[in-house]
Amino acid sequence: MYYLIAGLVLLVWLDRRVQAKSPPPTSAEQKAINRVLGYWQQIQTAATNAGISPRLLAALVYVESKGMVSAKRVEPDGRTSYGLTQILCSTAEELGFTGKCADLFDPSVNLAWGAKYLKTRINLYGLDLGILSYNTGSPRHDQSGKLYDPNNYIKKVKAAFNHFGTT
């Protein structure tokens, strides 16, 4: 319950802060935003079922795939991530997914499992580290104790958050 309240407070604070600092999107960014918004109903359903903000899930989709339903990426370790949320088949299976990996290209299936995984990460680590661990696995720190976020993933998701309305 504490993480839920803290997460909601952070999302309100983040919304106000991002609104004040975000430049308007470029043409390419706007096209990606529009692609993500094309899945808005499915994003809302998956996010609501998982107990997370639809805006947060939309921001994650924007950063992970730019709204490209057929996105596929082979990770350095050889595993493949699929679809809008770029979820690994093995990760979805750990959460209970029993379909074929190719089923993760289905937007509703992909969003449901991606949202469920994001929720588990937020419950485990809190909002910022949950967002980061969605992308990297367990959060790591460098030798100085600073959080290791080599691609500024948290910042990218937070910046994208404001592109998806106020609800």
Foldseek 3Di string as FASTA:
>chain_A
DVLLVVQVVVLVVLLVVLVVPFDDDDPLLVVLLVLLVVCQVLLVVLLVVQVHDSLLLSLLLCVPPSNDLADWDQDPVRFIFHGSNRHTPVQLVVVPDDDDRVVCSPSNNVSNSSSNQLSVLCVVPHNQQSQQCSPVPHWDADPVRHTDDPVCRSVSSSNSSNSPDDD
